[in-house]
Amino acid sequence: MSDLEPPFRPREKIVEKQKYFQNIPKHTYLKGRFDKVTSVAIPAALAATSLFLIGRGIYNMSLGIGKKD
């Protein structure tokens, strides 16, 4: 095995990224640049939308709105 593949990234870049991510005092899943959007904002928006739709459904059922005859 004399012909080894070259690495995808230079070793210096990997070490630099490792130092950056290991020294951030945040949770592991919030260390990237856009991680707040994907792990906080999107689930919060989905939860708010589902709670609104559930509330609207309960309101409509209690008043008999939208019944099919």
N, C-alpha and C. Protein backbone atom coordinates (compact mmCIF):
# COMPACT_ATOMS: atom_id res chain seq x y z
N MET A 1 0.82 -1.18 0.00
CA MET A 1 0.00 0.00 0.00
C MET A 1 0.87 1.25 0.00
N SER A 2 1.58 1.42 -1.04
CA SER A 2 2.46 2.58 -1.09
C SER A 2 1.75 3.83 -1.61
N ASP A 3 0.64 3.64 -2.35
CA ASP A 3 -0.06 4.80 -2.90
C ASP A 3 -1.26 5.15 -2.01
N LEU A 4 -1.02 6.02 -1.03
CA LEU A 4 -2.07 6.45 -0.12
C LEU A 4 -2.83 7.62 -0.73
N GLU A 5 -4.12 7.68 -0.42
CA GLU A 5 -4.93 8.80 -0.92
C GLU A 5 -4.58 10.07 -0.18
N PRO A 6 -4.61 11.19 -0.87
CA PRO A 6 -4.40 12.45 -0.14
C PRO A 6 -5.64 12.75 0.71
N PRO A 7 -5.46 13.44 1.83
CA PRO A 7 -6.61 13.73 2.68
C PRO A 7 -7.56 14.72 2.00
N PHE A 8 -8.83 14.72 2.44
CA PHE A 8 -9.81 15.64 1.86
C PHE A 8 -9.47 17.08 2.20
N ARG A 9 -9.04 17.31 3.42
CA ARG A 9 -8.67 18.66 3.87
C ARG A 9 -7.26 18.61 4.42
N PRO A 10 -6.56 19.72 4.35
CA PRO A 10 -5.23 19.76 4.98
C PRO A 10 -5.34 19.59 6.49
N ARG A 11 -4.35 18.96 7.08
CA ARG A 11 -4.36 18.69 8.51
C ARG A 11 -4.43 19.97 9.34
N GLU A 12 -3.81 21.04 8.85
CA GLU A 12 -3.82 22.30 9.60
C GLU A 12 -5.24 22.85 9.74
N LYS A 13 -6.03 22.74 8.66
CA LYS A 13 -7.42 23.22 8.70
C LYS A 13 -8.24 22.41 9.70
N ILE A 14 -8.03 21.11 9.73
CA ILE A 14 -8.77 20.24 10.65
C ILE A 14 -8.44 20.60 12.09
N VAL A 15 -7.16 20.77 12.38
CA VAL A 15 -6.74 21.13 13.74
C VAL A 15 -7.31 22.49 14.13
N GLU A 16 -7.31 23.42 13.18
CA GLU A 16 -7.86 24.76 13.46
C GLU A 16 -9.36 24.68 13.78
N LYS A 17 -10.12 23.90 13.00
CA LYS A 17 -11.56 23.74 13.25
C LYS A 17 -11.80 23.03 14.58
N GLN A 18 -11.00 22.02 14.89
CA GLN A 18 -11.17 21.30 16.16
C GLN A 18 -10.96 22.25 17.34
N LYS A 19 -9.93 23.07 17.27
CA LYS A 19 -9.68 24.03 18.36
C LYS A 19 -10.84 24.99 18.49
N TYR A 20 -11.37 25.46 17.35
CA TYR A 20 -12.49 26.40 17.37
C TYR A 20 -13.71 25.78 18.03
N PHE A 21 -14.08 24.57 17.61
CA PHE A 21 -15.29 23.95 18.13
C PHE A 21 -15.13 23.46 19.57
N GLN A 22 -13.93 23.10 19.98
CA GLN A 22 -13.73 22.62 21.34
C GLN A 22 -13.71 23.75 22.36
N ASN A 23 -13.46 24.98 21.93
CA ASN A 23 -13.34 26.09 22.86
C ASN A 23 -14.61 26.93 22.98
N ILE A 24 -15.64 26.62 22.20
CA ILE A 24 -16.88 27.40 22.28
C ILE A 24 -17.67 26.93 23.50
N PRO A 25 -18.12 27.85 24.36
CA PRO A 25 -18.85 27.43 25.57
C PRO A 25 -20.34 27.24 25.34
N LYS A 26 -20.73 26.69 24.19
CA LYS A 26 -22.14 26.42 23.91
C LYS A 26 -22.36 24.92 23.88
N HIS A 27 -23.62 24.53 23.76
CA HIS A 27 -23.91 23.11 23.61
C HIS A 27 -23.37 22.61 22.28
N THR A 28 -23.15 21.32 22.20
CA THR A 28 -22.55 20.74 21.00
C THR A 28 -23.41 20.98 19.78
N TYR A 29 -24.74 20.92 19.92
CA TYR A 29 -25.60 21.05 18.75
C TYR A 29 -25.84 22.50 18.36
N LEU A 30 -25.24 23.47 19.03
CA LEU A 30 -25.39 24.87 18.66
C LEU A 30 -24.06 25.53 18.31
N LYS A 31 -23.08 24.75 17.91
CA LYS A 31 -21.75 25.31 17.70
C LYS A 31 -21.54 25.86 16.30
N GLY A 32 -22.32 25.44 15.34
CA GLY A 32 -22.13 25.92 13.98
C GLY A 32 -22.74 27.29 13.76
N ARG A 33 -22.61 27.78 12.55
CA ARG A 33 -23.06 29.13 12.23
C ARG A 33 -24.58 29.23 12.18
N PHE A 34 -25.23 28.29 11.51
CA PHE A 34 -26.67 28.35 11.32
C PHE A 34 -27.41 27.32 12.17
N ASP A 35 -26.77 26.80 13.20
CA ASP A 35 -27.38 25.74 14.00
C ASP A 35 -28.54 26.24 14.84
N LYS A 36 -28.55 27.52 15.19
CA LYS A 36 -29.68 28.05 15.95
C LYS A 36 -30.95 28.00 15.12
N VAL A 37 -30.81 28.22 13.81
CA VAL A 37 -31.99 28.21 12.94
C VAL A 37 -32.54 26.79 12.84
N THR A 38 -31.66 25.83 12.60
CA THR A 38 -32.14 24.47 12.36
C THR A 38 -32.56 23.75 13.62
N SER A 39 -31.95 24.05 14.77
CA SER A 39 -32.29 23.29 15.96
C SER A 39 -33.14 24.05 16.97
N VAL A 40 -33.41 25.33 16.73
CA VAL A 40 -34.26 26.10 17.65
C VAL A 40 -35.44 26.72 16.91
N ALA A 41 -35.17 27.49 15.88
CA ALA A 41 -36.23 28.27 15.22
C ALA A 41 -37.22 27.38 14.47
N ILE A 42 -36.75 26.41 13.70
CA ILE A 42 -37.66 25.57 12.92
C ILE A 42 -38.54 24.72 13.84
N PRO A 43 -38.00 24.02 14.85
CA PRO A 43 -38.90 23.28 15.75
C PRO A 43 -39.86 24.19 16.51
N ALA A 44 -39.43 25.39 16.89
CA ALA A 44 -40.33 26.31 17.58
C ALA A 44 -41.46 26.75 16.66
N ALA A 45 -41.15 27.00 15.40
CA ALA A 45 -42.19 27.39 14.44
C ALA A 45 -43.17 26.25 14.21
N LEU A 46 -42.66 25.03 14.10
CA LEU A 46 -43.55 23.87 13.92
C LEU A 46 -44.45 23.68 15.13
N ALA A 47 -43.89 23.83 16.32
CA ALA A 47 -44.69 23.66 17.54
C ALA A 47 -45.76 24.74 17.63
N ALA A 48 -45.40 25.99 17.32
CA ALA A 48 -46.38 27.08 17.39
C ALA A 48 -47.50 26.87 16.38
N THR A 49 -47.14 26.45 15.16
CA THR A 49 -48.15 26.20 14.14
C THR A 49 -49.08 25.07 14.54
N SER A 50 -48.52 23.99 15.06
CA SER A 50 -49.36 22.85 15.44
C SER A 50 -50.27 23.21 16.61
N LEU A 51 -49.77 23.98 17.58
CA LEU A 51 -50.62 24.40 18.70
C LEU A 51 -51.75 25.31 18.22
N PHE A 52 -51.45 26.20 17.28
CA PHE A 52 -52.49 27.07 16.73
C PHE A 52 -53.57 26.24 16.02
N LEU A 53 -53.15 25.27 15.21
CA LEU A 53 -54.12 24.46 14.47
C LEU A 53 -54.94 23.58 15.40
N ILE A 54 -54.31 23.05 16.44
CA ILE A 54 -55.06 22.24 17.42
C ILE A 54 -56.08 23.12 18.14
N GLY A 55 -55.66 24.32 18.55
CA GLY A 55 -56.59 25.24 19.21
C GLY A 55 -57.74 25.64 18.31
N ARG A 56 -57.45 25.91 17.05
CA ARG A 56 -58.51 26.27 16.11
C ARG A 56 -59.48 25.11 15.90
N GLY A 57 -58.94 23.90 15.84
CA GLY A 57 -59.80 22.73 15.68
C GLY A 57 -60.72 22.52 16.88
N ILE A 58 -60.18 22.68 18.07
CA ILE A 58 -61.00 22.53 19.28
C ILE A 58 -62.07 23.62 19.33
N TYR A 59 -61.71 24.85 18.98
CA TYR A 59 -62.67 25.95 18.96
C TYR A 59 -63.80 25.66 17.95
N ASN A 60 -63.42 25.23 16.75
CA ASN A 60 -64.42 24.94 15.72
C ASN A 60 -65.32 23.77 16.14
N MET A 61 -64.75 22.75 16.78
CA MET A 61 -65.57 21.62 17.22
C MET A 61 -66.53 22.04 18.32
N SER A 62 -66.07 22.91 19.22
CA SER A 62 -66.95 23.30 20.33
C SER A 62 -68.13 24.16 19.86
N LEU A 63 -67.94 24.92 18.78
CA LEU A 63 -69.03 25.76 18.27
C LEU A 63 -69.76 25.11 17.10
N GLY A 64 -69.29 23.98 16.64
CA GLY A 64 -69.95 23.31 15.52
C GLY A 64 -69.69 23.97 14.19
N ILE A 65 -68.59 24.66 14.05
CA ILE A 65 -68.26 25.34 12.80
C ILE A 65 -67.63 24.35 11.83
N GLY A 66 -68.06 24.42 10.57
CA GLY A 66 -67.44 23.59 9.53
C GLY A 66 -67.93 22.15 9.50
N LYS A 67 -69.07 21.87 10.07
CA LYS A 67 -69.60 20.51 10.05
C LYS A 67 -70.14 20.19 8.66
N LYS A 68 -69.97 18.95 8.25
CA LYS A 68 -70.57 18.49 7.00
C LYS A 68 -71.90 17.84 7.31
N ASP A 69 -72.92 18.24 6.59
CA ASP A 69 -74.26 17.72 6.87
C ASP A 69 -74.48 16.35 6.28
